[in-house]
Amino acid sequence: MTAMTESTRAAALARTTVPTAAPRHAPMGRLLAAEARWVLRRPRTLVMLGVFALVPVLIAIGVAVADDTPGPGSGLIGAIAGNGFVLPIVSMTMALGLLLPLAVAMAAADAIAGETAHGTLRGLLVAPVGRLRLVGMKAFGVLLVATLATTAIAVMGLLAGFAVIGGADGQLITLSGTTLGLGEALARVALVVVWTVGQLAAVGAVALAISAYTEHPLVVLASVLGGLIVFGVLSAIPALDWLQPYLLTSGWTAGVDALRDPTPYGGMIESSLRALCYLGLGAGVTVHRMLRRDA
């Protein structure tokens, strides 16, 4: 009895004299840098960015070979001829229909579901990183892919537009028939880039929420692409016009408004607010799931 008491007292003394080191959290900047390296090291990410960079080049070559000239009824593709500044905006608008959401869905699928399938998410859940910080890391990786993909299209669109199609002396001829200077033209391209990334952020948030509930990346891809197709079908049915304000894909052609003078910002603002709602919903579901997920 005395020996047990002495051992108990010794253990208690050891606990009081040798404090346990509190777990130290890595700086958020280091975590984001590690996630960026992890994302950019994936070969499919690099291949995907290369494919996106080719999209405006192929459009430019097609327009140059066809030798179309803009005119009534020629549409956006016809407006590209002789006006290189139109190419990046048209390319981003066309890619937003399917290609860019596919890239974001793939990144979100790899972020959580892919890590779960490979067994690497367990180590992140038990590490002293914090569940909220972990969600922030994964969201940053998805946003990085969206930004790089959109920027690749915009930059290559500008280069291909001037190299293959040419420009009106460094000016933008709007769909309204007016002419804008170089600075304002670049500002409008940058505006469409930011707006497109905002739409993709909403897609990425929803994809991350789905990814948090499954360990199969293909389920995320199928769910996101299937949802976009369903949204497109619903928006094409006149009897369901009352659904338009609730569909994420509604207003995805608003980027073309940057080619008009003066620019009607109503479509961009409305679609941005809608994307913000989807972003908040997806982020909330993801955080709720990750905070209650077993290690």
Protein backbone atom coordinates (compact mmCIF):
# COMPACT_ATOMS: atom_id res chain seq x y z
CA MET A 1 0.00 0.00 0.00
CA THR A 2 2.85 2.34 0.93
CA ALA A 3 4.74 1.47 -2.23
CA MET A 4 1.66 2.19 -4.36
CA THR A 5 1.21 5.54 -2.61
CA GLU A 6 4.83 6.48 -3.20
CA SER A 7 4.64 5.56 -6.87
CA THR A 8 1.47 7.57 -7.27
CA ARG A 9 3.08 10.59 -5.65
CA ALA A 10 6.15 10.20 -7.87
CA ALA A 11 4.02 10.09 -10.98
CA ALA A 12 2.12 13.19 -9.87
CA LEU A 13 5.39 14.99 -9.15
CA ALA A 14 6.70 14.07 -12.56
CA ARG A 15 3.61 15.47 -14.20
CA THR A 16 3.97 18.75 -12.36
CA THR A 17 7.71 19.15 -12.86
CA VAL A 18 7.85 18.09 -16.52
CA PRO A 19 5.20 20.11 -18.35
CA THR A 20 3.79 18.66 -21.53
CA ALA A 21 4.61 20.72 -24.57
CA ALA A 22 1.52 22.19 -26.16
CA PRO A 23 1.03 21.27 -29.81
CA ARG A 24 2.32 23.96 -32.11
CA HIS A 25 0.40 24.90 -35.21
CA ALA A 26 2.30 25.50 -38.43
CA PRO A 27 1.98 29.02 -39.85
CA MET A 28 -0.92 29.35 -42.28
CA GLY A 29 1.40 30.69 -44.95
CA ARG A 30 3.51 27.55 -44.79
CA LEU A 31 0.40 25.36 -45.04
CA LEU A 32 -0.87 27.26 -48.08
CA ALA A 33 2.55 27.05 -49.74
CA ALA A 34 2.65 23.30 -49.12
CA GLU A 35 -0.83 22.89 -50.59
CA ALA A 36 0.15 24.96 -53.64
CA ARG A 37 3.22 22.77 -54.21
CA TRP A 38 1.11 19.65 -53.80
CA VAL A 39 -1.44 20.87 -56.34
CA LEU A 40 1.10 22.04 -58.91
CA ARG A 41 3.10 18.82 -58.68
CA ARG A 42 0.22 16.78 -60.02
CA PRO A 43 0.93 15.98 -63.67
CA ARG A 44 -2.77 16.18 -64.57
CA THR A 45 -2.91 19.73 -63.23
CA LEU A 46 -0.06 20.82 -65.49
CA VAL A 47 -1.54 19.00 -68.48
CA MET A 48 -4.91 20.59 -67.79
CA LEU A 49 -3.41 24.09 -67.67
CA GLY A 50 -1.65 23.40 -70.96
CA VAL A 51 -4.93 22.33 -72.55
CA PHE A 52 -6.64 25.50 -71.34
CA ALA A 53 -3.85 27.59 -72.81
CA LEU A 54 -4.51 25.95 -76.18
CA VAL A 55 -8.23 26.83 -76.21
CA PRO A 56 -7.84 30.48 -77.36
CA VAL A 57 -5.06 29.47 -79.76
CA LEU A 58 -7.33 26.97 -81.50
CA ILE A 59 -10.15 29.52 -81.66
CA ALA A 60 -7.79 32.13 -83.12
CA ILE A 61 -6.51 29.71 -85.76
CA GLY A 62 -10.07 28.75 -86.67
CA VAL A 63 -11.10 32.38 -87.06
CA ALA A 64 -7.99 33.21 -89.08
CA VAL A 65 -8.50 30.26 -91.42
CA ALA A 66 -12.18 31.03 -91.89
CA ASP A 67 -11.30 34.68 -92.52
CA ASP A 68 -14.66 35.84 -91.15
CA THR A 69 -15.45 39.50 -90.76
CA PRO A 70 -17.73 40.91 -88.05
CA GLY A 71 -21.15 41.94 -89.18
CA PRO A 72 -24.84 41.58 -88.41
CA GLY A 73 -25.59 38.07 -87.23
CA SER A 74 -21.93 37.02 -87.18
CA GLY A 75 -22.02 36.42 -83.42
CA LEU A 76 -19.15 36.47 -80.98
CA ILE A 77 -16.84 34.34 -83.12
CA GLY A 78 -17.26 36.75 -86.00
CA ALA A 79 -16.50 39.69 -83.70
CA ILE A 80 -13.05 38.20 -83.01
CA ALA A 81 -11.85 38.78 -86.58
CA GLY A 82 -9.47 41.73 -86.66
CA ASN A 83 -9.99 42.42 -82.97
CA GLY A 84 -7.60 40.46 -80.75
CA PHE A 85 -8.97 41.86 -77.49
CA VAL A 86 -12.26 40.04 -78.03
CA LEU A 87 -10.59 36.61 -78.10
CA PRO A 88 -9.73 36.23 -74.36
CA ILE A 89 -13.22 37.28 -73.24
CA VAL A 90 -14.95 34.98 -75.73
CA SER A 91 -12.60 32.11 -74.80
CA MET A 92 -13.33 32.48 -71.08
CA THR A 93 -17.08 32.65 -71.75
CA MET A 94 -17.00 29.47 -73.83
CA ALA A 95 -14.76 27.61 -71.36
CA LEU A 96 -16.97 28.57 -68.43
CA GLY A 97 -19.73 26.45 -69.89
CA LEU A 98 -17.98 23.14 -69.12
CA LEU A 99 -14.17 23.07 -69.29
CA LEU A 100 -13.38 25.39 -66.39
CA PRO A 101 -15.95 23.79 -64.01
CA LEU A 102 -14.45 20.42 -64.94
CA ALA A 103 -11.01 21.61 -63.85
CA VAL A 104 -12.33 22.96 -60.55
CA ALA A 105 -14.34 19.80 -59.86
CA MET A 106 -11.23 17.69 -60.51
CA ALA A 107 -9.19 19.78 -58.08
CA ALA A 108 -11.91 19.54 -55.41
CA ALA A 109 -12.19 15.79 -55.92
CA ASP A 110 -8.46 15.37 -55.37
CA ALA A 111 -8.48 17.73 -52.38
CA ILE A 112 -10.56 15.61 -49.99
CA ALA A 113 -12.01 12.52 -51.68
CA GLY A 114 -8.70 11.75 -53.38
CA GLU A 115 -6.78 12.11 -50.13
CA THR A 116 -9.31 9.87 -48.39
CA ALA A 117 -8.97 7.21 -51.08
CA HIS A 118 -5.17 7.22 -50.73
CA GLY A 119 -5.31 7.25 -46.93
CA THR A 120 -3.40 10.53 -46.59
CA LEU A 121 -6.32 12.51 -45.18
CA ARG A 122 -6.18 10.56 -41.92
CA GLY A 123 -2.72 11.94 -41.17
CA LEU A 124 -3.95 15.50 -41.77
CA LEU A 125 -6.95 14.99 -39.49
CA VAL A 126 -4.85 13.76 -36.56
CA ALA A 127 -2.07 16.33 -37.10
CA PRO A 128 -2.14 19.56 -35.05
CA VAL A 129 -3.37 21.55 -38.02
CA GLY A 130 -6.98 22.22 -37.07
CA ARG A 131 -10.04 21.24 -39.04
CA LEU A 132 -10.88 24.80 -40.11
CA ARG A 133 -7.32 25.41 -41.24
CA LEU A 134 -7.45 22.14 -43.17
CA VAL A 135 -10.60 23.26 -44.98
CA GLY A 136 -8.92 26.58 -45.73
CA MET A 137 -5.92 24.77 -47.20
CA LYS A 138 -8.05 22.65 -49.50
CA ALA A 139 -10.20 25.60 -50.55
CA PHE A 140 -7.06 27.55 -51.38
CA GLY A 141 -5.82 24.74 -53.59
CA VAL A 142 -9.09 24.65 -55.52
CA LEU A 143 -9.13 28.44 -55.88
CA LEU A 144 -5.53 28.34 -57.10
CA VAL A 145 -6.45 25.93 -59.89
CA ALA A 146 -9.42 28.10 -60.88
CA THR A 147 -7.27 31.23 -60.97
CA LEU A 148 -4.43 29.64 -62.94
CA ALA A 149 -6.77 28.06 -65.48
CA THR A 150 -8.67 31.31 -66.07
CA THR A 151 -5.47 33.36 -66.24
CA ALA A 152 -3.93 30.91 -68.72
CA ILE A 153 -6.90 31.37 -71.04
CA ALA A 154 -6.83 35.16 -70.69
CA VAL A 155 -3.07 35.55 -71.23
CA MET A 156 -2.88 33.12 -74.14
CA GLY A 157 -6.02 34.72 -75.55
CA LEU A 158 -4.33 38.12 -75.62
CA LEU A 159 -1.13 36.72 -77.14
CA ALA A 160 -2.94 34.63 -79.73
CA GLY A 161 -5.33 37.46 -80.49
CA PHE A 162 -2.54 39.82 -81.47
CA ALA A 163 -0.26 37.20 -83.05
CA VAL A 164 -2.82 35.37 -85.18
CA ILE A 165 -5.75 37.75 -85.56
CA GLY A 166 -4.24 41.15 -84.94
CA GLY A 167 -5.76 44.16 -83.24
CA ALA A 168 -7.08 47.56 -84.10
CA ASP A 169 -3.86 49.39 -83.23
CA GLY A 170 -3.96 48.14 -79.65
CA GLN A 171 -7.59 49.15 -79.20
CA LEU A 172 -10.79 47.25 -78.45
CA ILE A 173 -13.70 47.60 -80.84
CA THR A 174 -16.74 46.89 -78.67
CA LEU A 175 -19.92 45.17 -79.78
CA SER A 176 -21.55 48.59 -79.57
CA GLY A 177 -19.25 49.90 -82.29
CA THR A 178 -17.15 52.18 -80.08
CA THR A 179 -13.39 52.02 -79.65
CA LEU A 180 -11.57 51.72 -76.31
CA GLY A 181 -7.93 52.40 -75.53
CA LEU A 182 -5.36 49.83 -74.48
CA GLY A 183 -5.66 50.47 -70.75
CA GLU A 184 -9.45 50.24 -70.63
CA ALA A 185 -9.41 47.16 -72.84
CA LEU A 186 -7.00 45.36 -70.52
CA ALA A 187 -9.09 46.46 -67.54
CA ARG A 188 -12.16 44.85 -69.06
CA VAL A 189 -10.30 41.60 -69.69
CA ALA A 190 -9.12 41.64 -66.07
CA LEU A 191 -12.71 42.27 -64.93
CA VAL A 192 -13.91 39.17 -66.77
CA VAL A 193 -11.06 37.15 -65.25
CA VAL A 194 -12.06 38.16 -61.71
CA TRP A 195 -15.74 37.54 -62.42
CA THR A 196 -15.02 34.11 -63.93
CA VAL A 197 -12.89 33.10 -60.94
CA GLY A 198 -15.77 34.09 -58.67
CA GLN A 199 -18.15 31.80 -60.53
CA LEU A 200 -15.63 28.96 -60.37
CA ALA A 201 -15.17 29.52 -56.64
CA ALA A 202 -18.86 28.75 -56.18
CA VAL A 203 -18.50 25.56 -58.23
CA GLY A 204 -15.43 24.62 -56.19
CA ALA A 205 -17.25 25.16 -52.90
CA VAL A 206 -20.06 22.83 -53.94
CA ALA A 207 -17.56 20.28 -55.24
CA LEU A 208 -15.63 20.40 -51.96
CA ALA A 209 -18.83 19.77 -50.02
CA ILE A 210 -19.51 16.67 -52.12
CA SER A 211 -15.88 15.61 -51.83
CA ALA A 212 -16.09 15.75 -48.03
CA TYR A 213 -18.84 13.12 -48.04
CA THR A 214 -17.23 10.55 -50.32
CA GLU A 215 -13.93 8.80 -50.88
CA HIS A 216 -14.44 8.35 -54.62
CA PRO A 217 -13.23 11.30 -56.75
CA LEU A 218 -15.32 10.16 -59.71
CA VAL A 219 -18.46 10.71 -57.64
CA VAL A 220 -17.51 14.36 -57.25
CA LEU A 221 -16.86 14.79 -60.97
CA ALA A 222 -20.10 13.05 -61.93
CA SER A 223 -22.14 15.06 -59.41
CA VAL A 224 -20.77 18.45 -60.45
CA LEU A 225 -20.93 17.87 -64.19
CA GLY A 226 -24.33 16.22 -63.90
CA GLY A 227 -25.60 19.16 -61.89
CA LEU A 228 -24.34 21.64 -64.48
CA ILE A 229 -26.03 19.69 -67.27
CA VAL A 230 -29.30 19.57 -65.33
CA PHE A 231 -29.07 23.30 -64.64
CA GLY A 232 -28.53 23.91 -68.35
CA VAL A 233 -31.55 21.81 -69.29
CA LEU A 234 -33.76 23.52 -66.71
CA SER A 235 -32.71 26.96 -67.92
CA ALA A 236 -33.71 26.03 -71.48
CA ILE A 237 -37.32 25.19 -70.53
CA PRO A 238 -39.51 28.32 -70.83
CA ALA A 239 -42.07 26.98 -68.35
CA LEU A 240 -39.38 26.93 -65.67
CA ASP A 241 -38.29 30.54 -65.98
CA TRP A 242 -39.09 31.04 -62.30
CA LEU A 243 -36.10 28.79 -61.52
CA GLN A 244 -33.60 31.06 -63.27
CA PRO A 245 -32.67 33.13 -60.18
CA TYR A 246 -31.77 29.93 -58.30
CA LEU A 247 -29.62 28.22 -60.94
CA LEU A 248 -25.88 28.76 -60.63
CA THR A 249 -25.38 28.65 -64.39
CA SER A 250 -27.84 31.49 -64.96
CA GLY A 251 -25.94 34.52 -66.15
CA TRP A 252 -22.76 32.69 -67.10
CA THR A 253 -22.78 34.58 -70.41
CA ALA A 254 -22.68 37.93 -68.59
CA GLY A 255 -18.93 38.16 -69.17
CA VAL A 256 -19.67 39.16 -72.77
CA ASP A 257 -21.22 42.37 -71.42
CA ALA A 258 -17.67 43.64 -70.95
CA LEU A 259 -17.52 43.97 -74.75
CA ARG A 260 -20.33 46.51 -74.77
CA ASP A 261 -20.03 50.25 -74.23
CA PRO A 262 -21.21 51.35 -71.77
CA THR A 263 -20.83 48.11 -69.86
CA PRO A 264 -24.08 46.79 -68.32
CA TYR A 265 -22.93 45.48 -64.94
CA GLY A 266 -26.33 44.15 -63.87
CA GLY A 267 -25.75 40.62 -65.18
CA MET A 268 -22.32 40.33 -63.58
CA ILE A 269 -23.52 41.63 -60.23
CA GLU A 270 -26.55 39.34 -60.15
CA SER A 271 -24.54 36.25 -61.08
CA SER A 272 -21.86 37.19 -58.54
CA LEU A 273 -24.43 37.43 -55.75
CA ARG A 274 -25.85 34.06 -56.79
CA ALA A 275 -22.36 32.56 -56.79
CA LEU A 276 -21.76 34.02 -53.34
CA CYS A 277 -24.83 32.19 -52.03
CA TYR A 278 -23.62 28.89 -53.46
CA LEU A 279 -20.16 29.59 -52.08
CA GLY A 280 -21.49 30.15 -48.57
CA LEU A 281 -23.69 27.05 -48.74
CA GLY A 282 -20.87 24.82 -49.98
CA ALA A 283 -18.38 26.18 -47.45
CA GLY A 284 -20.82 25.68 -44.58
CA VAL A 285 -21.52 22.07 -45.54
CA THR A 286 -17.81 21.33 -45.93
CA VAL A 287 -16.90 22.81 -42.55
CA HIS A 288 -19.79 21.00 -40.86
CA ARG A 289 -18.66 17.68 -42.31
CA MET A 290 -14.95 18.11 -41.59
CA LEU A 291 -15.51 19.21 -37.98
CA ARG A 292 -17.46 16.02 -37.31
CA ARG A 293 -15.43 13.65 -39.43
CA ASP A 294 -13.63 10.83 -37.62
CA ALA A 295 -9.88 10.69 -37.98
